[in-house]
PDB file of N, CA and C in Angstrom:
ATOM      1  N   MET A   1       0.841  -1.187   0.000  1.00  0.00           N
ATOM      2  CA  MET A   1       0.000   0.000   0.000  1.00  0.00           C
ATOM      3  C   MET A   1       0.882   1.245   0.000  1.00  0.00           C
ATOM      4  N   GLU A   2       0.345   2.282  -0.619  1.00  0.00           N
ATOM      5  CA  GLU A   2       1.065   3.551  -0.631  1.00  0.00           C
ATOM      6  C   GLU A   2       0.085   4.694  -0.396  1.00  0.00           C
ATOM      7  N   ARG A   3       0.625   5.790   0.104  1.00  0.00           N
ATOM      8  CA  ARG A   3      -0.179   6.983   0.334  1.00  0.00           C
ATOM      9  C   ARG A   3      -0.324   7.755  -0.964  1.00  0.00           C
ATOM     10  N   LYS A   4      -1.561   8.169  -1.249  1.00  0.00           N
ATOM     11  CA  LYS A   4      -1.819   8.993  -2.428  1.00  0.00           C
ATOM     12  C   LYS A   4      -2.819  10.078  -2.052  1.00  0.00           C
ATOM     13  N   LYS A   5      -2.665  11.213  -2.685  1.00  0.00           N
ATOM     14  CA  LYS A   5      -3.666  12.252  -2.525  1.00  0.00           C
ATOM     15  C   LYS A   5      -4.895  11.850  -3.333  1.00  0.00           C
ATOM     16  N   LEU A   6      -6.053  12.209  -2.833  1.00  0.00           N
ATOM     17  CA  LEU A   6      -7.285  11.869  -3.539  1.00  0.00           C
ATOM     18  C   LEU A   6      -7.276  12.373  -4.969  1.00  0.00           C
ATOM     19  N   LYS A   7      -6.659  13.521  -5.217  1.00  0.00           N
ATOM     20  CA  LYS A   7      -6.656  14.070  -6.574  1.00  0.00           C
ATOM     21  C   LYS A   7      -5.933  13.164  -7.569  1.00  0.00           C
ATOM     22  N   GLU A   8      -5.120  12.222  -7.076  1.00  0.00           N
ATOM     23  CA  GLU A   8      -4.433  11.280  -7.954  1.00  0.00           C
ATOM     24  C   GLU A   8      -5.324  10.105  -8.363  1.00  0.00           C
ATOM     25  N   ILE A   9      -6.383   9.862  -7.587  1.00  0.00           N
ATOM     26  CA  ILE A   9      -7.207   8.682  -7.828  1.00  0.00           C
ATOM     27  C   ILE A   9      -8.681   9.006  -8.083  1.00  0.00           C
ATOM     28  N   ALA A  10      -9.041  10.291  -7.949  1.00  0.00           N
ATOM     29  CA  ALA A  10     -10.452  10.657  -8.066  1.00  0.00           C
ATOM     30  C   ALA A  10     -10.604  12.104  -8.516  1.00  0.00           C
ATOM     31  N   HIS A  11     -11.819  12.424  -8.919  1.00  0.00           N
ATOM     32  CA  HIS A  11     -12.154  13.823  -9.177  1.00  0.00           C
ATOM     33  C   HIS A  11     -13.337  14.178  -8.284  1.00  0.00           C
ATOM     34  N   SER A  12     -13.750  15.429  -8.304  1.00  0.00           N
ATOM     35  CA  SER A  12     -14.737  15.875  -7.347  1.00  0.00           C
ATOM     36  C   SER A  12     -15.673  16.916  -7.943  1.00  0.00           C
ATOM     37  N   ARG A  13     -16.870  16.982  -7.382  1.00  0.00           N
ATOM     38  CA  ARG A  13     -17.844  18.015  -7.713  1.00  0.00           C
ATOM     39  C   ARG A  13     -18.393  18.531  -6.391  1.00  0.00           C
ATOM     40  N   ALA A  14     -18.709  19.803  -6.334  1.00  0.00           N
ATOM     41  CA  ALA A  14     -19.207  20.362  -5.084  1.00  0.00           C
ATOM     42  C   ALA A  14     -20.172  21.499  -5.345  1.00  0.00           C
ATOM     43  N   GLY A  15     -20.902  21.823  -4.321  1.00  0.00           N
ATOM     44  CA  GLY A  15     -21.809  22.955  -4.368  1.00  0.00           C
ATOM     45  C   GLY A  15     -22.185  23.347  -2.963  1.00  0.00           C
ATOM     46  N   ASP A  16     -22.699  24.562  -2.820  1.00  0.00           N
ATOM     47  CA  ASP A  16     -23.105  24.991  -1.487  1.00  0.00           C
ATOM     48  C   ASP A  16     -24.359  25.838  -1.559  1.00  0.00           C
ATOM     49  N   LYS A  17     -25.124  25.757  -0.510  1.00  0.00           N
ATOM     50  CA  LYS A  17     -26.315  26.578  -0.302  1.00  0.00           C
ATOM     51  C   LYS A  17     -26.282  27.026   1.148  1.00  0.00           C
ATOM     52  N   GLY A  18     -26.010  28.285   1.352  1.00  0.00           N
ATOM     53  CA  GLY A  18     -25.938  28.780   2.725  1.00  0.00           C
ATOM     54  C   GLY A  18     -24.819  28.092   3.479  1.00  0.00           C
ATOM     55  N   LYS A  19     -25.164  27.534   4.643  1.00  0.00           N
ATOM     56  CA  LYS A  19     -24.157  26.880   5.477  1.00  0.00           C
ATOM     57  C   LYS A  19     -24.064  25.373   5.225  1.00  0.00           C
ATOM     58  N   LEU A  20     -24.556  24.919   4.083  1.00  0.00           N
ATOM     59  CA  LEU A  20     -24.532  23.496   3.745  1.00  0.00           C
ATOM     60  C   LEU A  20     -23.720  23.304   2.472  1.00  0.00           C
ATOM     61  N   THR A  21     -22.734  22.397   2.527  1.00  0.00           N
ATOM     62  CA  THR A  21     -21.891  22.109   1.362  1.00  0.00           C
ATOM     63  C   THR A  21     -21.987  20.627   1.050  1.00  0.00           C
ATOM     64  N   THR A  22     -22.090  20.300  -0.224  1.00  0.00           N
ATOM     65  CA  THR A  22     -22.038  18.903  -0.647  1.00  0.00           C
ATOM     66  C   THR A  22     -20.811  18.720  -1.534  1.00  0.00           C
ATOM     67  N   ILE A  23     -20.103  17.630  -1.278  1.00  0.00           N
ATOM     68  CA  ILE A  23     -18.917  17.312  -2.068  1.00  0.00           C
ATOM     69  C   ILE A  23     -18.976  15.834  -2.436  1.00  0.00           C
ATOM     70  N   SER A  24     -18.918  15.564  -3.730  1.00  0.00           N
ATOM     71  CA  SER A  24     -18.834  14.191  -4.211  1.00  0.00           C
ATOM     72  C   SER A  24     -17.403  13.907  -4.643  1.00  0.00           C
ATOM     73  N   VAL A  25     -16.902  12.743  -4.249  1.00  0.00           N
ATOM     74  CA  VAL A  25     -15.578  12.290  -4.657  1.00  0.00           C
ATOM     75  C   VAL A  25     -15.797  11.047  -5.508  1.00  0.00           C
ATOM     76  N   ILE A  26     -15.359  11.107  -6.772  1.00  0.00           N
ATOM     77  CA  ILE A  26     -15.644  10.048  -7.742  1.00  0.00           C
ATOM     78  C   ILE A  26     -14.341   9.370  -8.164  1.00  0.00           C
ATOM     79  N   ALA A  27     -14.228   8.084  -7.870  1.00  0.00           N
ATOM     80  CA  ALA A  27     -13.011   7.325  -8.176  1.00  0.00           C
ATOM     81  C   ALA A  27     -12.871   7.103  -9.669  1.00  0.00           C
ATOM     82  N   TYR A  28     -11.635   7.077 -10.128  1.00  0.00           N
ATOM     83  CA  TYR A  28     -11.361   6.796 -11.534  1.00  0.00           C
ATOM     84  C   TYR A  28     -11.532   5.316 -11.874  1.00  0.00           C
ATOM     85  N   GLU A  29     -11.364   4.426 -10.869  1.00  0.00           N
ATOM     86  CA  GLU A  29     -11.430   2.980 -11.109  1.00  0.00           C
ATOM     87  C   GLU A  29     -12.166   2.295  -9.963  1.00  0.00           C
ATOM     88  N   ASP A  30     -12.743   1.118 -10.230  1.00  0.00           N
ATOM     89  CA  ASP A  30     -13.489   0.378  -9.210  1.00  0.00           C
ATOM     90  C   ASP A  30     -12.657   0.093  -7.964  1.00  0.00           C
ATOM     91  N   ALA A  31     -11.435  -0.389  -8.144  1.00  0.00           N
ATOM     92  CA  ALA A  31     -10.582  -0.727  -6.997  1.00  0.00           C
ATOM     93  C   ALA A  31     -10.284   0.502  -6.146  1.00  0.00           C
ATOM     94  N   LEU A  32     -10.167   1.636  -6.783  1.00  0.00           N
ATOM     95  CA  LEU A  32      -9.904   2.875  -6.048  1.00  0.00           C
ATOM     96  C   LEU A  32     -11.126   3.290  -5.235  1.00  0.00           C
ATOM     97  N   TYR A  33     -12.307   2.990  -5.756  1.00  0.00           N
ATOM     98  CA  TYR A  33     -13.534   3.277  -5.007  1.00  0.00           C
ATOM     99  C   TYR A  33     -13.554   2.485  -3.705  1.00  0.00           C
ATOM    100  N   GLU A  34     -13.142   1.226  -3.765  1.00  0.00           N
ATOM    101  CA  GLU A  34     -13.107   0.404  -2.551  1.00  0.00           C
ATOM    102  C   GLU A  34     -12.146   0.991  -1.518  1.00  0.00           C
ATOM    103  N   ALA A  35     -10.989   1.466  -1.964  1.00  0.00           N
ATOM    104  CA  ALA A  35     -10.025   2.092  -1.043  1.00  0.00           C
ATOM    105  C   ALA A  35     -10.600   3.371  -0.450  1.00  0.00           C
ATOM    106  N   MET A  36     -11.303   4.148  -1.260  1.00  0.00           N
ATOM    107  CA  MET A  36     -11.921   5.383  -0.772  1.00  0.00           C
ATOM    108  C   MET A  36     -12.995   5.079   0.263  1.00  0.00           C
ATOM    109  N   LYS A  37     -13.819   4.058   0.006  1.00  0.00           N
ATOM    110  CA  LYS A  37     -14.876   3.696   0.956  1.00  0.00           C
ATOM    111  C   LYS A  37     -14.295   3.370   2.323  1.00  0.00           C
ATOM    112  N   GLU A  38     -13.176   2.683   2.300  1.00  0.00           N
ATOM    113  CA  GLU A  38     -12.553   2.283   3.558  1.00  0.00           C
ATOM    114  C   GLU A  38     -11.931   3.470   4.290  1.00  0.00           C
ATOM    115  N   ALA A  39     -11.289   4.355   3.554  1.00  0.00           N
ATOM    116  CA  ALA A  39     -10.507   5.428   4.171  1.00  0.00           C
ATOM    117  C   ALA A  39     -11.282   6.709   4.451  1.00  0.00           C
ATOM    118  N   LEU A  40     -12.251   7.038   3.619  1.00  0.00           N
ATOM    119  CA  LEU A  40     -12.944   8.324   3.755  1.00  0.00           C
ATOM    120  C   LEU A  40     -14.216   8.178   4.583  1.00  0.00           C
ATOM    121  N   THR A  41     -14.050   8.143   5.870  1.00  0.00           N
ATOM    122  CA  THR A  41     -15.200   8.082   6.762  1.00  0.00           C
ATOM    123  C   THR A  41     -15.730   9.494   6.986  1.00  0.00           C
ATOM    124  N   ALA A  42     -16.957   9.584   7.432  1.00  0.00           N
ATOM    125  CA  ALA A  42     -17.530  10.894   7.760  1.00  0.00           C
ATOM    126  C   ALA A  42     -16.701  11.572   8.847  1.00  0.00           C
ATOM    127  N   GLU A  43     -16.216  10.785   9.802  1.00  0.00           N
ATOM    128  CA  GLU A  43     -15.408  11.345  10.889  1.00  0.00           C
ATOM    129  C   GLU A  43     -14.090  11.923  10.371  1.00  0.00           C
ATOM    130  N   ARG A  44     -13.470  11.229   9.441  1.00  0.00           N
ATOM    131  CA  ARG A  44     -12.199  11.721   8.900  1.00  0.00           C
ATOM    132  C   ARG A  44     -12.410  13.007   8.101  1.00  0.00           C
ATOM    133  N   VAL A  45     -13.473  13.066   7.317  1.00  0.00           N
ATOM    134  CA  VAL A  45     -13.769  14.273   6.552  1.00  0.00           C
ATOM    135  C   VAL A  45     -14.123  15.418   7.503  1.00  0.00           C
ATOM    136  N   GLU A  46     -14.870  15.126   8.550  1.00  0.00           N
ATOM    137  CA  GLU A  46     -15.199  16.158   9.541  1.00  0.00           C
ATOM    138  C   GLU A  46     -13.933  16.729  10.168  1.00  0.00           C
ATOM    139  N   GLN A  47     -12.977  15.877  10.486  1.00  0.00           N
ATOM    140  CA  GLN A  47     -11.706  16.330  11.044  1.00  0.00           C
ATOM    141  C   GLN A  47     -10.939  17.194  10.031  1.00  0.00           C
ATOM    142  N   HIS A  48     -10.944  16.789   8.767  1.00  0.00           N
ATOM    143  CA  HIS A  48     -10.242  17.525   7.716  1.00  0.00           C
ATOM    144  C   HIS A  48     -10.824  18.932   7.544  1.00  0.00           C
ATOM    145  N   PHE A  49     -12.137  19.067   7.738  1.00  0.00           N
ATOM    146  CA  PHE A  49     -12.829  20.339   7.534  1.00  0.00           C
ATOM    147  C   PHE A  49     -13.076  21.103   8.843  1.00  0.00           C
ATOM    148  N   LYS A  50     -12.449  20.706   9.920  1.00  0.00           N
ATOM    149  CA  LYS A  50     -12.760  21.282  11.229  1.00  0.00           C
ATOM    150  C   LYS A  50     -12.571  22.795  11.309  1.00  0.00           C
ATOM    151  N   ASP A  51     -11.671  23.361  10.527  1.00  0.00           N
ATOM    152  CA  ASP A  51     -11.458  24.806  10.552  1.00  0.00           C
ATOM    153  C   ASP A  51     -12.394  25.548   9.607  1.00  0.00           C
ATOM    154  N   ILE A  52     -13.150  24.818   8.817  1.00  0.00           N
ATOM    155  CA  ILE A  52     -14.010  25.420   7.802  1.00  0.00           C
ATOM    156  C   ILE A  52     -15.488  25.212   8.123  1.00  0.00           C
ATOM    157  N   ALA A  53     -15.811  24.151   8.852  1.00  0.00           N
ATOM    158  CA  ALA A  53     -17.209  23.827   9.148  1.00  0.00           C
ATOM    159  C   ALA A  53     -17.353  23.409  10.605  1.00  0.00           C
ATOM    160  N   ASP A  54     -18.463  23.798  11.214  1.00  0.00           N
ATOM    161  CA  ASP A  54     -18.675  23.457  12.620  1.00  0.00           C
ATOM    162  C   ASP A  54     -19.920  22.586  12.835  1.00  0.00           C
ATOM    163  N   GLY A  55     -20.422  21.985  11.755  1.00  0.00           N
ATOM    164  CA  GLY A  55     -21.566  21.084  11.879  1.00  0.00           C
ATOM    165  C   GLY A  55     -21.145  19.651  11.628  1.00  0.00           C
ATOM    166  N   GLY A  56     -22.114  18.800  11.460  1.00  0.00           N
ATOM    167  CA  GLY A  56     -21.837  17.389  11.204  1.00  0.00           C
ATOM    168  C   GLY A  56     -21.498  17.120   9.749  1.00  0.00           C
ATOM    169  N   VAL A  57     -20.967  15.919   9.507  1.00  0.00           N
ATOM    170  CA  VAL A  57     -20.664  15.459   8.153  1.00  0.00           C
ATOM    171  C   VAL A  57     -21.375  14.121   7.962  1.00  0.00           C
ATOM    172  N   TYR A  58     -22.072  13.993   6.839  1.00  0.00           N
ATOM    173  CA  TYR A  58     -22.799  12.771   6.520  1.00  0.00           C
ATOM    174  C   TYR A  58     -22.279  12.218   5.203  1.00  0.00           C
ATOM    175  N   ARG A  59     -22.072  10.902   5.155  1.00  0.00           N
ATOM    176  CA  ARG A  59     -21.539  10.266   3.949  1.00  0.00           C
ATOM    177  C   ARG A  59     -22.597   9.368   3.325  1.00  0.00           C
ATOM    178  N   TYR A  60     -22.704   9.466   2.004  1.00  0.00           N
ATOM    179  CA  TYR A  60     -23.614   8.618   1.232  1.00  0.00           C
ATOM    180  C   TYR A  60     -22.812   7.909   0.161  1.00  0.00           C
ATOM    181  N   GLU A  61     -23.021   6.601   0.029  1.00  0.00           N
ATOM    182  CA  GLU A  61     -22.297   5.806  -0.957  1.00  0.00           C
ATOM    183  C   GLU A  61     -23.116   5.707  -2.244  1.00  0.00           C
ATOM    184  N   LEU A  62     -22.451   5.891  -3.371  1.00  0.00           N
ATOM    185  CA  LEU A  62     -23.071   5.773  -4.692  1.00  0.00           C
ATOM    186  C   LEU A  62     -22.230   4.802  -5.518  1.00  0.00           C
ATOM    187  N   PRO A  63     -22.333   3.497  -5.236  1.00  0.00           N
ATOM    188  CA  PRO A  63     -21.461   2.522  -5.894  1.00  0.00           C
ATOM    189  C   PRO A  63     -21.613   2.481  -7.413  1.00  0.00           C
ATOM    190  N   GLN A  64     -22.804   2.749  -7.920  1.00  0.00           N
ATOM    191  CA  GLN A  64     -23.006   2.721  -9.363  1.00  0.00           C
ATOM    192  C   GLN A  64     -22.199   3.812 -10.067  1.00  0.00           C
ATOM    193  N   LEU A  65     -21.826   4.856  -9.329  1.00  0.00           N
ATOM    194  CA  LEU A  65     -21.013   5.951  -9.874  1.00  0.00           C
ATOM    195  C   LEU A  65     -19.569   5.916  -9.374  1.00  0.00           C
ATOM    196  N   LYS A  66     -19.240   4.932  -8.533  1.00  0.00           N
ATOM    197  CA  LYS A  66     -17.924   4.866  -7.874  1.00  0.00           C
ATOM    198  C   LYS A  66     -17.668   6.155  -7.100  1.00  0.00           C
ATOM    199  N   ALA A  67     -18.696   6.607  -6.382  1.00  0.00           N
ATOM    200  CA  ALA A  67     -18.618   7.911  -5.721  1.00  0.00           C
ATOM    201  C   ALA A  67     -19.062   7.844  -4.268  1.00  0.00           C
ATOM    202  N   LEU A  68     -18.518   8.764  -3.505  1.00  0.00           N
ATOM    203  CA  LEU A  68     -18.977   9.035  -2.147  1.00  0.00           C
ATOM    204  C   LEU A  68     -19.446  10.482  -2.134  1.00  0.00           C
ATOM    205  N   ASN A  69     -20.603  10.717  -1.529  1.00  0.00           N
ATOM    206  CA  ASN A  69     -21.121  12.074  -1.432  1.00  0.00           C
ATOM    207  C   ASN A  69     -21.130  12.473   0.039  1.00  0.00           C
ATOM    208  N   PHE A  70     -20.541  13.618   0.325  1.00  0.00           N
ATOM    209  CA  PHE A  70     -20.477  14.121   1.687  1.00  0.00           C
ATOM    210  C   PHE A  70     -21.309  15.388   1.800  1.00  0.00           C
ATOM    211  N   VAL A  71     -22.131  15.443   2.834  1.00  0.00           N
ATOM    212  CA  VAL A  71     -22.893  16.642   3.152  1.00  0.00           C
ATOM    213  C   VAL A  71     -22.250  17.212   4.406  1.00  0.00           C
ATOM    214  N   ILE A  72     -21.781  18.442   4.299  1.00  0.00           N
ATOM    215  CA  ILE A  72     -21.052  19.093   5.387  1.00  0.00           C
ATOM    216  C   ILE A  72     -21.888  20.260   5.881  1.00  0.00           C
ATOM    217  N   GLU A  73     -22.284  20.199   7.146  1.00  0.00           N
ATOM    218  CA  GLU A  73     -23.113  21.247   7.732  1.00  0.00           C
ATOM    219  C   GLU A  73     -22.251  22.301   8.428  1.00  0.00           C
ATOM    220  N   GLY A  74     -22.767  23.486   8.492  1.00  0.00           N
ATOM    221  CA  GLY A  74     -22.103  24.554   9.240  1.00  0.00           C
ATOM    222  C   GLY A  74     -20.905  25.147   8.532  1.00  0.00           C
ATOM    223  N   THR A  75     -20.928  25.123   7.197  1.00  0.00           N
ATOM    224  CA  THR A  75     -19.816  25.688   6.436  1.00  0.00           C
ATOM    225  C   THR A  75     -19.744  27.190   6.685  1.00  0.00           C
ATOM    226  N   LYS A  76     -18.560  27.664   6.967  1.00  0.00           N
ATOM    227  CA  LYS A  76     -18.347  29.093   7.201  1.00  0.00           C
ATOM    228  C   LYS A  76     -17.876  29.753   5.928  1.00  0.00           C
ATOM    229  N   PRO A  77     -18.140  30.938   5.660  1.00  0.00           N
ATOM    230  CA  PRO A  77     -18.930  31.922   6.411  1.00  0.00           C
ATOM    231  C   PRO A  77     -20.341  32.042   5.868  1.00  0.00           C
ATOM    232  N   GLU A  78     -21.096  30.994   5.880  1.00  0.00           N
ATOM    233  CA  GLU A  78     -22.504  30.961   5.499  1.00  0.00           C
ATOM    234  C   GLU A  78     -22.748  31.025   4.004  1.00  0.00           C
ATOM    235  N   GLY A  79     -21.826  30.555   3.204  1.00  0.00           N
ATOM    236  CA  GLY A  79     -22.069  30.392   1.783  1.00  0.00           C
ATOM    237  C   GLY A  79     -21.831  31.609   0.924  1.00  0.00           C
ATOM    238  N   VAL A  80     -22.071  31.457  -0.363  1.00  0.00           N
ATOM    239  CA  VAL A  80     -21.782  32.465  -1.368  1.00  0.00           C
ATOM    240  C   VAL A  80     -22.517  33.772  -1.096  1.00  0.00           C
ATOM    241  N   ALA A  81     -23.773  33.689  -0.718  1.00  0.00           N
ATOM    242  CA  ALA A  81     -24.579  34.895  -0.554  1.00  0.00           C
ATOM    243  C   ALA A  81     -24.120  35.771   0.613  1.00  0.00           C
ATOM    244  N   ALA A  82     -23.404  35.198   1.570  1.00  0.00           N
ATOM    245  CA  ALA A  82     -23.045  35.942   2.776  1.00  0.00           C
ATOM    246  C   ALA A  82     -21.587  36.372   2.814  1.00  0.00           C
ATOM    247  N   SER A  83     -20.820  36.117   1.762  1.00  0.00           N
ATOM    248  CA  SER A  83     -19.394  36.375   1.858  1.00  0.00           C
ATOM    249  C   SER A  83     -18.784  36.818   0.542  1.00  0.00           C
ATOM    250  N   LEU A  84     -17.717  37.588   0.656  1.00  0.00           N
ATOM    251  CA  LEU A  84     -16.909  37.940  -0.507  1.00  0.00           C
ATOM    252  C   LEU A  84     -15.688  37.033  -0.605  1.00  0.00           C
ATOM    253  N   ASP A  85     -15.550  36.099   0.333  1.00  0.00           N
ATOM    254  CA  ASP A  85     -14.397  35.210   0.415  1.00  0.00           C
ATOM    255  C   ASP A  85     -14.618  33.982  -0.457  1.00  0.00           C
ATOM    256  N   PHE A  86     -14.111  33.988  -1.680  1.00  0.00           N
ATOM    257  CA  PHE A  86     -14.310  32.896  -2.628  1.00  0.00           C
ATOM    258  C   PHE A  86     -13.747  31.575  -2.126  1.00  0.00           C
ATOM    259  N   ASP A  87     -12.661  31.601  -1.399  1.00  0.00           N
ATOM    260  CA  ASP A  87     -11.946  30.380  -1.045  1.00  0.00           C
ATOM    261  C   ASP A  87     -12.709  29.414  -0.161  1.00  0.00           C
ATOM    262  N   THR A  88     -13.758  29.836   0.481  1.00  0.00           N
ATOM    263  CA  THR A  88     -14.477  28.906   1.352  1.00  0.00           C
ATOM    264  C   THR A  88     -15.810  28.477   0.765  1.00  0.00           C
ATOM    265  N   HIS A  89     -15.962  28.563  -0.537  1.00  0.00           N
ATOM    266  CA  HIS A  89     -17.209  28.158  -1.163  1.00  0.00           C
ATOM    267  C   HIS A  89     -17.077  26.759  -1.762  1.00  0.00           C
ATOM    268  N   GLY A  90     -18.223  26.160  -2.070  1.00  0.00           N
ATOM    269  CA  GLY A  90     -18.293  24.774  -2.506  1.00  0.00           C
ATOM    270  C   GLY A  90     -17.293  24.371  -3.562  1.00  0.00           C
ATOM    271  N   LYS A  91     -17.166  25.143  -4.615  1.00  0.00           N
ATOM    272  CA  LYS A  91     -16.283  24.741  -5.722  1.00  0.00           C
ATOM    273  C   LYS A  91     -14.835  24.595  -5.265  1.00  0.00           C
ATOM    274  N   SER A  92     -14.373  25.528  -4.466  1.00  0.00           N
ATOM    275  CA  SER A  92     -12.983  25.434  -4.015  1.00  0.00           C
ATOM    276  C   SER A  92     -12.820  24.403  -2.900  1.00  0.00           C
ATOM    277  N   LEU A  93     -13.893  24.105  -2.168  1.00  0.00           N
ATOM    278  CA  LEU A  93     -13.793  23.089  -1.117  1.00  0.00           C
ATOM    279  C   LEU A  93     -13.583  21.703  -1.696  1.00  0.00           C
ATOM    280  N   SER A  94     -14.007  21.470  -2.935  1.00  0.00           N
ATOM    281  CA  SER A  94     -13.731  20.170  -3.542  1.00  0.00           C
ATOM    282  C   SER A  94     -12.230  19.985  -3.719  1.00  0.00           C
ATOM    283  N   TRP A  95     -11.509  21.042  -4.041  1.00  0.00           N
ATOM    284  CA  TRP A  95     -10.048  20.951  -4.151  1.00  0.00           C
ATOM    285  C   TRP A  95      -9.421  20.693  -2.791  1.00  0.00           C
ATOM    286  N   PHE A  96      -9.975  21.304  -1.752  1.00  0.00           N
ATOM    287  CA  PHE A  96      -9.482  21.057  -0.405  1.00  0.00           C
ATOM    288  C   PHE A  96      -9.661  19.587  -0.037  1.00  0.00           C
ATOM    289  N   MET A  97     -10.805  19.018  -0.405  1.00  0.00           N
ATOM    290  CA  MET A  97     -11.057  17.592  -0.155  1.00  0.00           C
ATOM    291  C   MET A  97     -10.036  16.723  -0.884  1.00  0.00           C
ATOM    292  N   LEU A  98      -9.748  17.047  -2.145  1.00  0.00           N
ATOM    293  CA  LEU A  98      -8.839  16.224  -2.952  1.00  0.00           C
ATOM    294  C   LEU A  98      -7.392  16.276  -2.474  1.00  0.00           C
ATOM    295  N   GLU A  99      -7.083  17.170  -1.554  1.00  0.00           N
ATOM    296  CA  GLU A  99      -5.738  17.222  -0.967  1.00  0.00           C
ATOM    297  C   GLU A  99      -5.564  16.175   0.134  1.00  0.00           C
ATOM    298  N   MET A 100      -6.631  15.542   0.564  1.00  0.00           N
ATOM    299  CA  MET A 100      -6.535  14.491   1.599  1.00  0.00           C
ATOM    300  C   MET A 100      -5.734  13.320   1.044  1.00  0.00           C
ATOM    301  N   GLU A 101      -5.001  12.645   1.915  1.00  0.00           N
ATOM    302  CA  GLU A 101      -4.247  11.461   1.531  1.00  0.00           C
ATOM    303  C   GLU A 101      -4.898  10.214   2.111  1.00  0.00           C
ATOM    304  N   ILE A 102      -4.875   9.133   1.311  1.00  0.00           N
ATOM    305  CA  ILE A 102      -5.352   7.835   1.781  1.00  0.00           C
ATOM    306  C   ILE A 102      -4.364   6.762   1.363  1.00  0.00           C
ATOM    307  N   LEU A 103      -4.471   5.604   1.986  1.00  0.00           N
ATOM    308  CA  LEU A 103      -3.658   4.459   1.596  1.00  0.00           C
ATOM    309  C   LEU A 103      -4.363   3.704   0.483  1.00  0.00           C
ATOM    310  N   VAL A 104      -3.631   3.411  -0.593  1.00  0.00           N
ATOM    311  CA  VAL A 104      -4.190   2.696  -1.741  1.00  0.00           C
ATOM    312  C   VAL A 104      -3.350   1.469  -1.991  1.00  0.00           C
TER     313      VAL A 104
END
């Protein structure tokens, strides 16, 4: 096994509405999806986003798409409508997610 950043094995889509952000991580290959399922728990994603969100994180599995969808509550600073800070919005948070490392 080796450590890889998610961006090496998957791509991502994200969006936000207010203080709620959704991020999908989609594996490039079936075997990589299995590694992602094992490594990307809701708790681990919550820890990764602890400085950006203060709510819970929920994970949904989409095996037909080789994807995991995460719903992140309490995203700061309350979404696009409430901030001029582009860096904390859904689209850029998908890149933040892809910087996570997992064992593959």
